[in-house]
């Protein structure tokens, strides 16, 4: 993938952390966002410009990441879940 970007997201109950690197492994951006509808919307708007070139890796050990990963998949972002939240 030419000019690819990777976004790693560590999902927590209240505040998530994200870092974006380019295809040369240089840090492009690092930011936090709240784990709520508005915060996730802000996150998606931030990476929307890179949609065709971005791969999102999500790390979440709790069910708080389930809604986040489900939403990203429904929006057709390419997504890798590093740890699947328990489902039940």
PDB file of N, CA and C in Angstrom:
ATOM      1  N   UNK A   1       0.862  -1.179   0.000  1.00  0.00           N
ATOM      2  CA  UNK A   1       0.000   0.000   0.000  1.00  0.00           C
ATOM      3  C   UNK A   1       0.902   1.234   0.000  1.00  0.00           C
ATOM      4  N   UNK A   2       0.803   2.038  -1.026  1.00  0.00           N
ATOM      5  CA  UNK A   2       1.627   3.230  -1.145  1.00  0.00           C
ATOM      6  C   UNK A   2       1.123   4.323  -0.210  1.00  0.00           C
ATOM      7  N   UNK A   3       2.074   5.027   0.432  1.00  0.00           N
ATOM      8  CA  UNK A   3       1.743   6.111   1.355  1.00  0.00           C
ATOM      9  C   UNK A   3       0.727   5.672   2.408  1.00  0.00           C
ATOM     10  N   UNK A   4       0.960   4.511   2.976  1.00  0.00           N
ATOM     11  CA  UNK A   4       0.041   3.973   3.977  1.00  0.00           C
ATOM     12  C   UNK A   4       0.237   4.669   5.319  1.00  0.00           C
ATOM     13  N   UNK A   5      -0.813   4.629   6.111  1.00  0.00           N
ATOM     14  CA  UNK A   5      -0.769   5.121   7.479  1.00  0.00           C
ATOM     15  C   UNK A   5      -1.335   4.034   8.380  1.00  0.00           C
ATOM     16  N   UNK A   6      -0.760   3.912   9.536  1.00  0.00           N
ATOM     17  CA  UNK A   6      -1.257   2.969  10.526  1.00  0.00           C
ATOM     18  C   UNK A   6      -1.642   3.751  11.759  1.00  0.00           C
ATOM     19  N   UNK A   7      -2.797   3.410  12.315  1.00  0.00           N
ATOM     20  CA  UNK A   7      -3.263   4.044  13.543  1.00  0.00           C
ATOM     21  C   UNK A   7      -3.435   2.946  14.586  1.00  0.00           C
ATOM     22  N   UNK A   8      -2.732   3.091  15.674  1.00  0.00           N
ATOM     23  CA  UNK A   8      -2.882   2.171  16.795  1.00  0.00           C
ATOM     24  C   UNK A   8      -3.741   2.838  17.852  1.00  0.00           C
ATOM     25  N   UNK A   9      -4.748   2.123  18.338  1.00  0.00           N
ATOM     26  CA  UNK A   9      -5.661   2.681  19.335  1.00  0.00           C
ATOM     27  C   UNK A   9      -5.692   1.760  20.548  1.00  0.00           C
ATOM     28  N   UNK A  10      -5.470   2.337  21.706  1.00  0.00           N
ATOM     29  CA  UNK A  10      -5.601   1.619  22.964  1.00  0.00           C
ATOM     30  C   UNK A  10      -6.912   2.082  23.586  1.00  0.00           C
ATOM     31  N   UNK A  11      -7.904   1.210  23.582  1.00  0.00           N
ATOM     32  CA  UNK A  11      -9.247   1.567  24.038  1.00  0.00           C
ATOM     33  C   UNK A  11      -9.367   1.330  25.540  1.00  0.00           C
ATOM     34  N   UNK A  12      -9.810   2.352  26.231  1.00  0.00           N
ATOM     35  CA  UNK A  12     -10.070   2.270  27.664  1.00  0.00           C
ATOM     36  C   UNK A  12     -11.517   2.681  27.925  1.00  0.00           C
ATOM     37  N   UNK A  13     -11.955   2.459  29.126  1.00  0.00           N
ATOM     38  CA  UNK A  13     -13.352   2.723  29.486  1.00  0.00           C
ATOM     39  C   UNK A  13     -13.739   4.191  29.275  1.00  0.00           C
ATOM     40  N   UNK A  14     -12.873   5.119  29.659  1.00  0.00           N
ATOM     41  CA  UNK A  14     -13.223   6.540  29.569  1.00  0.00           C
ATOM     42  C   UNK A  14     -12.461   7.294  28.488  1.00  0.00           C
ATOM     43  N   UNK A  15     -11.155   7.088  28.414  1.00  0.00           N
ATOM     44  CA  UNK A  15     -10.327   7.837  27.460  1.00  0.00           C
ATOM     45  C   UNK A  15      -9.451   6.860  26.678  1.00  0.00           C
ATOM     46  N   UNK A  16      -9.409   7.029  25.373  1.00  0.00           N
ATOM     47  CA  UNK A  16      -8.608   6.186  24.489  1.00  0.00           C
ATOM     48  C   UNK A  16      -7.392   6.970  24.025  1.00  0.00           C
ATOM     49  N   UNK A  17      -6.325   6.251  23.684  1.00  0.00           N
ATOM     50  CA  UNK A  17      -5.115   6.866  23.141  1.00  0.00           C
ATOM     51  C   UNK A  17      -4.893   6.337  21.731  1.00  0.00           C
ATOM     52  N   UNK A  18      -4.455   7.196  20.840  1.00  0.00           N
ATOM     53  CA  UNK A  18      -4.187   6.793  19.462  1.00  0.00           C
ATOM     54  C   UNK A  18      -2.873   7.401  18.988  1.00  0.00           C
ATOM     55  N   UNK A  19      -2.203   6.666  18.122  1.00  0.00           N
ATOM     56  CA  UNK A  19      -0.976   7.157  17.488  1.00  0.00           C
ATOM     57  C   UNK A  19      -1.033   6.765  16.018  1.00  0.00           C
ATOM     58  N   UNK A  20      -0.646   7.697  15.155  1.00  0.00           N
ATOM     59  CA  UNK A  20      -0.623   7.454  13.710  1.00  0.00           C
ATOM     60  C   UNK A  20       0.820   7.540  13.229  1.00  0.00           C
ATOM     61  N   UNK A  21       1.233   6.522  12.457  1.00  0.00           N
ATOM     62  CA  UNK A  21       2.560   6.534  11.852  1.00  0.00           C
ATOM     63  C   UNK A  21       2.404   6.373  10.343  1.00  0.00           C
ATOM     64  N   UNK A  22       3.402   6.871   9.608  1.00  0.00           N
ATOM     65  CA  UNK A  22       3.370   6.747   8.146  1.00  0.00           C
ATOM     66  C   UNK A  22       4.117   5.482   7.730  1.00  0.00           C
ATOM     67  N   UNK A  23       4.265   5.285   6.419  1.00  0.00           N
ATOM     68  CA  UNK A  23       4.897   4.060   5.927  1.00  0.00           C
ATOM     69  C   UNK A  23       6.398   4.019   6.159  1.00  0.00           C
ATOM     70  N   UNK A  24       6.956   5.096   6.701  1.00  0.00           N
ATOM     71  CA  UNK A  24       8.366   5.112   7.082  1.00  0.00           C
ATOM     72  C   UNK A  24       8.510   5.015   8.606  1.00  0.00           C
ATOM     73  N   UNK A  25       7.426   4.645   9.267  1.00  0.00           N
ATOM     74  CA  UNK A  25       7.370   4.480  10.733  1.00  0.00           C
ATOM     75  C   UNK A  25       7.652   5.770  11.494  1.00  0.00           C
ATOM     76  N   UNK A  26       7.339   6.900  10.882  1.00  0.00           N
ATOM     77  CA  UNK A  26       7.492   8.192  11.540  1.00  0.00           C
ATOM     78  C   UNK A  26       6.164   8.576  12.183  1.00  0.00           C
ATOM     79  N   UNK A  27       6.225   9.070  13.402  1.00  0.00           N
ATOM     80  CA  UNK A  27       5.024   9.498  14.104  1.00  0.00           C
ATOM     81  C   UNK A  27       4.425  10.712  13.403  1.00  0.00           C
ATOM     82  N   UNK A  28       3.177  10.583  12.986  1.00  0.00           N
ATOM     83  CA  UNK A  28       2.461  11.661  12.301  1.00  0.00           C
ATOM     84  C   UNK A  28       1.614  12.430  13.297  1.00  0.00           C
ATOM     85  N   UNK A  29       0.964  11.713  14.209  1.00  0.00           N
ATOM     86  CA  UNK A  29       0.080  12.345  15.185  1.00  0.00           C
ATOM     87  C   UNK A  29      -0.107  11.395  16.362  1.00  0.00           C
ATOM     88  N   UNK A  30      -0.349  11.966  17.512  1.00  0.00           N
ATOM     89  CA  UNK A  30      -0.644  11.214  18.721  1.00  0.00           C
ATOM     90  C   UNK A  30      -1.700  12.003  19.477  1.00  0.00           C
ATOM     91  N   UNK A  31      -2.773  11.346  19.893  1.00  0.00           N
ATOM     92  CA  UNK A  31      -3.862  12.081  20.512  1.00  0.00           C
ATOM     93  C   UNK A  31      -4.711  11.173  21.390  1.00  0.00           C
ATOM     94  N   UNK A  32      -5.516  11.793  22.224  1.00  0.00           N
ATOM     95  CA  UNK A  32      -6.482  11.094  23.078  1.00  0.00           C
ATOM     96  C   UNK A  32      -7.882  11.488  22.647  1.00  0.00           C
ATOM     97  N   UNK A  33      -8.844  10.623  22.925  1.00  0.00           N
ATOM     98  CA  UNK A  33     -10.245  10.970  22.697  1.00  0.00           C
ATOM     99  C   UNK A  33     -11.093  10.189  23.686  1.00  0.00           C
ATOM    100  N   UNK A  34     -12.230  10.767  24.025  1.00  0.00           N
ATOM    101  CA  UNK A  34     -13.127  10.130  24.992  1.00  0.00           C
ATOM    102  C   UNK A  34     -13.828   8.938  24.351  1.00  0.00           C
ATOM    103  N   UNK A  35     -14.048   7.905  25.136  1.00  0.00           N
ATOM    104  CA  UNK A  35     -14.744   6.716  24.654  1.00  0.00           C
ATOM    105  C   UNK A  35     -16.250   6.921  24.833  1.00  0.00           C
ATOM    106  N   UNK A  36     -16.778   7.788  23.992  1.00  0.00           N
ATOM    107  CA  UNK A  36     -18.214   8.086  23.956  1.00  0.00           C
ATOM    108  C   UNK A  36     -18.543   8.431  22.509  1.00  0.00           C
ATOM    109  N   UNK A  37     -19.789   8.589  22.192  1.00  0.00           N
ATOM    110  CA  UNK A  37     -20.193   8.856  20.806  1.00  0.00           C
ATOM    111  C   UNK A  37     -19.452  10.041  20.203  1.00  0.00           C
ATOM    112  N   UNK A  38     -19.390  11.154  20.916  1.00  0.00           N
ATOM    113  CA  UNK A  38     -18.731  12.361  20.405  1.00  0.00           C
ATOM    114  C   UNK A  38     -17.228  12.147  20.237  1.00  0.00           C
ATOM    115  N   UNK A  39     -16.606  11.491  21.210  1.00  0.00           N
ATOM    116  CA  UNK A  39     -15.168  11.236  21.131  1.00  0.00           C
ATOM    117  C   UNK A  39     -14.811  10.336  19.965  1.00  0.00           C
ATOM    118  N   UNK A  40     -15.596   9.280  19.766  1.00  0.00           N
ATOM    119  CA  UNK A  40     -15.346   8.355  18.657  1.00  0.00           C
ATOM    120  C   UNK A  40     -15.603   9.053  17.322  1.00  0.00           C
ATOM    121  N   UNK A  41     -16.616   9.905  17.278  1.00  0.00           N
ATOM    122  CA  UNK A  41     -16.874  10.695  16.066  1.00  0.00           C
ATOM    123  C   UNK A  41     -15.678  11.595  15.763  1.00  0.00           C
ATOM    124  N   UNK A  42     -15.116  12.235  16.791  1.00  0.00           N
ATOM    125  CA  UNK A  42     -13.928  13.081  16.611  1.00  0.00           C
ATOM    126  C   UNK A  42     -12.759  12.259  16.061  1.00  0.00           C
ATOM    127  N   UNK A  43     -12.570  11.057  16.606  1.00  0.00           N
ATOM    128  CA  UNK A  43     -11.506  10.172  16.141  1.00  0.00           C
ATOM    129  C   UNK A  43     -11.691   9.850  14.656  1.00  0.00           C
ATOM    130  N   UNK A  44     -12.898   9.466  14.281  1.00  0.00           N
ATOM    131  CA  UNK A  44     -13.151   9.084  12.888  1.00  0.00           C
ATOM    132  C   UNK A  44     -12.975  10.266  11.945  1.00  0.00           C
ATOM    133  N   UNK A  45     -13.359  11.459  12.370  1.00  0.00           N
ATOM    134  CA  UNK A  45     -13.163  12.642  11.524  1.00  0.00           C
ATOM    135  C   UNK A  45     -11.670  12.923  11.338  1.00  0.00           C
ATOM    136  N   UNK A  46     -10.891  12.656  12.381  1.00  0.00           N
ATOM    137  CA  UNK A  46      -9.455  12.911  12.324  1.00  0.00           C
ATOM    138  C   UNK A  46      -8.766  11.990  11.307  1.00  0.00           C
ATOM    139  N   UNK A  47      -9.235  10.740  11.191  1.00  0.00           N
ATOM    140  CA  UNK A  47      -8.584   9.804  10.269  1.00  0.00           C
ATOM    141  C   UNK A  47      -9.317   9.663   8.927  1.00  0.00           C
ATOM    142  N   UNK A  48     -10.454  10.313   8.788  1.00  0.00           N
ATOM    143  CA  UNK A  48     -11.270  10.198   7.559  1.00  0.00           C
ATOM    144  C   UNK A  48     -10.478  10.549   6.295  1.00  0.00           C
ATOM    145  N   UNK A  49      -9.650  11.564   6.348  1.00  0.00           N
ATOM    146  CA  UNK A  49      -8.890  11.990   5.171  1.00  0.00           C
ATOM    147  C   UNK A  49      -7.943  10.900   4.670  1.00  0.00           C
ATOM    148  N   UNK A  50      -7.625   9.940   5.552  1.00  0.00           N
ATOM    149  CA  UNK A  50      -6.698   8.867   5.212  1.00  0.00           C
ATOM    150  C   UNK A  50      -7.420   7.540   4.970  1.00  0.00           C
ATOM    151  N   UNK A  51      -8.745   7.557   4.902  1.00  0.00           N
ATOM    152  CA  UNK A  51      -9.562   6.331   4.871  1.00  0.00           C
ATOM    153  C   UNK A  51      -9.036   5.272   3.901  1.00  0.00           C
ATOM    154  N   UNK A  52      -8.696   5.652   2.683  1.00  0.00           N
ATOM    155  CA  UNK A  52      -8.258   4.683   1.673  1.00  0.00           C
ATOM    156  C   UNK A  52      -6.850   4.158   1.929  1.00  0.00           C
ATOM    157  N   UNK A  53      -6.132   4.810   2.823  1.00  0.00           N
ATOM    158  CA  UNK A  53      -4.726   4.438   3.050  1.00  0.00           C
ATOM    159  C   UNK A  53      -4.432   4.090   4.498  1.00  0.00           C
ATOM    160  N   UNK A  54      -5.452   3.969   5.333  1.00  0.00           N
ATOM    161  CA  UNK A  54      -5.200   3.759   6.756  1.00  0.00           C
ATOM    162  C   UNK A  54      -5.615   2.355   7.190  1.00  0.00           C
ATOM    163  N   UNK A  55      -4.799   1.773   8.044  1.00  0.00           N
ATOM    164  CA  UNK A  55      -5.107   0.519   8.710  1.00  0.00           C
ATOM    165  C   UNK A  55      -5.179   0.835  10.198  1.00  0.00           C
ATOM    166  N   UNK A  56      -6.251   0.426  10.851  1.00  0.00           N
ATOM    167  CA  UNK A  56      -6.447   0.725  12.267  1.00  0.00           C
ATOM    168  C   UNK A  56      -6.264  -0.547  13.077  1.00  0.00           C
ATOM    169  N   UNK A  57      -5.370  -0.512  14.044  1.00  0.00           N
ATOM    170  CA  UNK A  57      -5.155  -1.632  14.954  1.00  0.00           C
ATOM    171  C   UNK A  57      -5.696  -1.227  16.323  1.00  0.00           C
ATOM    172  N   UNK A  58      -6.585  -2.039  16.866  1.00  0.00           N
ATOM    173  CA  UNK A  58      -7.241  -1.715  18.138  1.00  0.00           C
ATOM    174  C   UNK A  58      -6.825  -2.722  19.197  1.00  0.00           C
ATOM    175  N   UNK A  59      -6.367  -2.216  20.336  1.00  0.00           N
ATOM    176  CA  UNK A  59      -6.035  -3.054  21.471  1.00  0.00           C
ATOM    177  C   UNK A  59      -7.055  -2.778  22.562  1.00  0.00           C
ATOM    178  N   UNK A  60      -7.741  -3.807  22.957  1.00  0.00           N
ATOM    179  CA  UNK A  60      -8.736  -3.651  24.015  1.00  0.00           C
ATOM    180  C   UNK A  60      -8.903  -4.984  24.727  1.00  0.00           C
ATOM    181  N   UNK A  61      -8.771  -4.968  26.030  1.00  0.00           N
ATOM    182  CA  UNK A  61      -8.921  -6.203  26.794  1.00  0.00           C
ATOM    183  C   UNK A  61     -10.277  -6.276  27.480  1.00  0.00           C
ATOM    184  N   UNK A  62     -11.043  -5.222  27.412  1.00  0.00           N
ATOM    185  CA  UNK A  62     -12.345  -5.180  28.062  1.00  0.00           C
ATOM    186  C   UNK A  62     -13.447  -5.009  27.023  1.00  0.00           C
ATOM    187  N   UNK A  63     -14.668  -5.203  27.430  1.00  0.00           N
ATOM    188  CA  UNK A  63     -15.792  -5.047  26.509  1.00  0.00           C
ATOM    189  C   UNK A  63     -15.987  -3.603  26.067  1.00  0.00           C
ATOM    190  N   UNK A  64     -15.286  -2.648  26.676  1.00  0.00           N
ATOM    191  CA  UNK A  64     -15.429  -1.245  26.272  1.00  0.00           C
ATOM    192  C   UNK A  64     -14.945  -1.034  24.837  1.00  0.00           C
ATOM    193  N   UNK A  65     -14.153  -1.945  24.293  1.00  0.00           N
ATOM    194  CA  UNK A  65     -13.687  -1.816  22.916  1.00  0.00           C
ATOM    195  C   UNK A  65     -14.621  -2.428  21.895  1.00  0.00           C
ATOM    196  N   UNK A  66     -15.598  -3.193  22.347  1.00  0.00           N
ATOM    197  CA  UNK A  66     -16.492  -3.882  21.418  1.00  0.00           C
ATOM    198  C   UNK A  66     -17.296  -2.904  20.561  1.00  0.00           C
ATOM    199  N   UNK A  67     -17.890  -1.892  21.170  1.00  0.00           N
ATOM    200  CA  UNK A  67     -18.654  -0.897  20.416  1.00  0.00           C
ATOM    201  C   UNK A  67     -17.774  -0.118  19.452  1.00  0.00           C
ATOM    202  N   UNK A  68     -16.561   0.195  19.898  1.00  0.00           N
ATOM    203  CA  UNK A  68     -15.615   0.942  19.068  1.00  0.00           C
ATOM    204  C   UNK A  68     -15.245   0.135  17.823  1.00  0.00           C
ATOM    205  N   UNK A  69     -14.868  -1.115  17.989  1.00  0.00           N
ATOM    206  CA  UNK A  69     -14.486  -1.940  16.840  1.00  0.00           C
ATOM    207  C   UNK A  69     -15.681  -2.208  15.923  1.00  0.00           C
ATOM    208  N   UNK A  70     -16.842  -2.424  16.503  1.00  0.00           N
ATOM    209  CA  UNK A  70     -18.049  -2.662  15.701  1.00  0.00           C
ATOM    210  C   UNK A  70     -18.363  -1.448  14.839  1.00  0.00           C
ATOM    211  N   UNK A  71     -18.265  -0.261  15.418  1.00  0.00           N
ATOM    212  CA  UNK A  71     -18.540   0.970  14.671  1.00  0.00           C
ATOM    213  C   UNK A  71     -17.536   1.166  13.540  1.00  0.00           C
ATOM    214  N   UNK A  72     -16.257   0.969  13.816  1.00  0.00           N
ATOM    215  CA  UNK A  72     -15.251   1.128  12.762  1.00  0.00           C
ATOM    216  C   UNK A  72     -15.485   0.146  11.620  1.00  0.00           C
ATOM    217  N   UNK A  73     -15.829  -1.092  11.952  1.00  0.00           N
ATOM    218  CA  UNK A  73     -16.112  -2.076  10.900  1.00  0.00           C
ATOM    219  C   UNK A  73     -17.321  -1.649  10.072  1.00  0.00           C
ATOM    220  N   UNK A  74     -18.354  -1.148  10.738  1.00  0.00           N
ATOM    221  CA  UNK A  74     -19.564  -0.738  10.015  1.00  0.00           C
ATOM    222  C   UNK A  74     -19.294   0.454   9.093  1.00  0.00           C
ATOM    223  N   UNK A  75     -18.276   1.235   9.410  1.00  0.00           N
ATOM    224  CA  UNK A  75     -17.914   2.395   8.590  1.00  0.00           C
ATOM    225  C   UNK A  75     -16.884   2.023   7.524  1.00  0.00           C
ATOM    226  N   UNK A  76     -16.584   0.728   7.392  1.00  0.00           N
ATOM    227  CA  UNK A  76     -15.697   0.178   6.365  1.00  0.00           C
ATOM    228  C   UNK A  76     -14.238   0.604   6.524  1.00  0.00           C
ATOM    229  N   UNK A  77     -13.823   0.883   7.756  1.00  0.00           N
ATOM    230  CA  UNK A  77     -12.395   1.097   7.995  1.00  0.00           C
ATOM    231  C   UNK A  77     -11.724  -0.265   8.039  1.00  0.00           C
ATOM    232  N   UNK A  78     -10.503  -0.347   7.538  1.00  0.00           N
ATOM    233  CA  UNK A  78      -9.756  -1.597   7.642  1.00  0.00           C
ATOM    234  C   UNK A  78      -9.240  -1.691   9.061  1.00  0.00           C
ATOM    235  N   UNK A  79      -9.573  -2.777   9.706  1.00  0.00           N
ATOM    236  CA  UNK A  79      -9.395  -2.874  11.151  1.00  0.00           C
ATOM    237  C   UNK A  79      -8.755  -4.194  11.534  1.00  0.00           C
ATOM    238  N   UNK A  80      -7.819  -4.113  12.475  1.00  0.00           N
ATOM    239  CA  UNK A  80      -7.217  -5.282  13.092  1.00  0.00           C
ATOM    240  C   UNK A  80      -7.450  -5.169  14.582  1.00  0.00           C
ATOM    241  N   UNK A  81      -8.067  -6.182  15.153  1.00  0.00           N
ATOM    242  CA  UNK A  81      -8.302  -6.188  16.591  1.00  0.00           C
ATOM    243  C   UNK A  81      -7.214  -7.058  17.218  1.00  0.00           C
ATOM    244  N   UNK A  82      -6.376  -6.455  18.044  1.00  0.00           N
ATOM    245  CA  UNK A  82      -5.247  -7.171  18.640  1.00  0.00           C
ATOM    246  C   UNK A  82      -5.689  -8.071  19.777  1.00  0.00           C
ATOM    247  N   UNK A  83      -6.705  -7.675  20.498  1.00  0.00           N
ATOM    248  CA  UNK A  83      -7.270  -8.487  21.575  1.00  0.00           C
ATOM    249  C   UNK A  83      -8.772  -8.325  21.508  1.00  0.00           C
ATOM    250  N   UNK A  84      -9.471  -9.400  21.210  1.00  0.00           N
ATOM    251  CA  UNK A  84     -10.919  -9.304  21.116  1.00  0.00           C
ATOM    252  C   UNK A  84     -11.543  -9.209  22.495  1.00  0.00           C
ATOM    253  N   UNK A  85     -12.440  -8.265  22.688  1.00  0.00           N
ATOM    254  CA  UNK A  85     -13.139  -8.168  23.967  1.00  0.00           C
ATOM    255  C   UNK A  85     -14.007  -9.401  24.184  1.00  0.00           C
ATOM    256  N   UNK A  86     -14.198  -9.753  25.436  1.00  0.00           N
ATOM    257  CA  UNK A  86     -15.095 -10.860  25.745  1.00  0.00           C
ATOM    258  C   UNK A  86     -16.509 -10.528  25.293  1.00  0.00           C
ATOM    259  N   UNK A  87     -17.199 -11.523  24.804  1.00  0.00           N
ATOM    260  CA  UNK A  87     -18.552 -11.291  24.319  1.00  0.00           C
ATOM    261  C   UNK A  87     -19.517 -12.187  25.097  1.00  0.00           C
ATOM    262  N   UNK A  88     -19.721 -11.878  26.354  1.00  0.00           N
ATOM    263  CA  UNK A  88     -20.703 -12.616  27.112  1.00  0.00           C
ATOM    264  C   UNK A  88     -20.206 -13.211  28.312  1.00  0.00           C
TER     265      UNK A  88
END
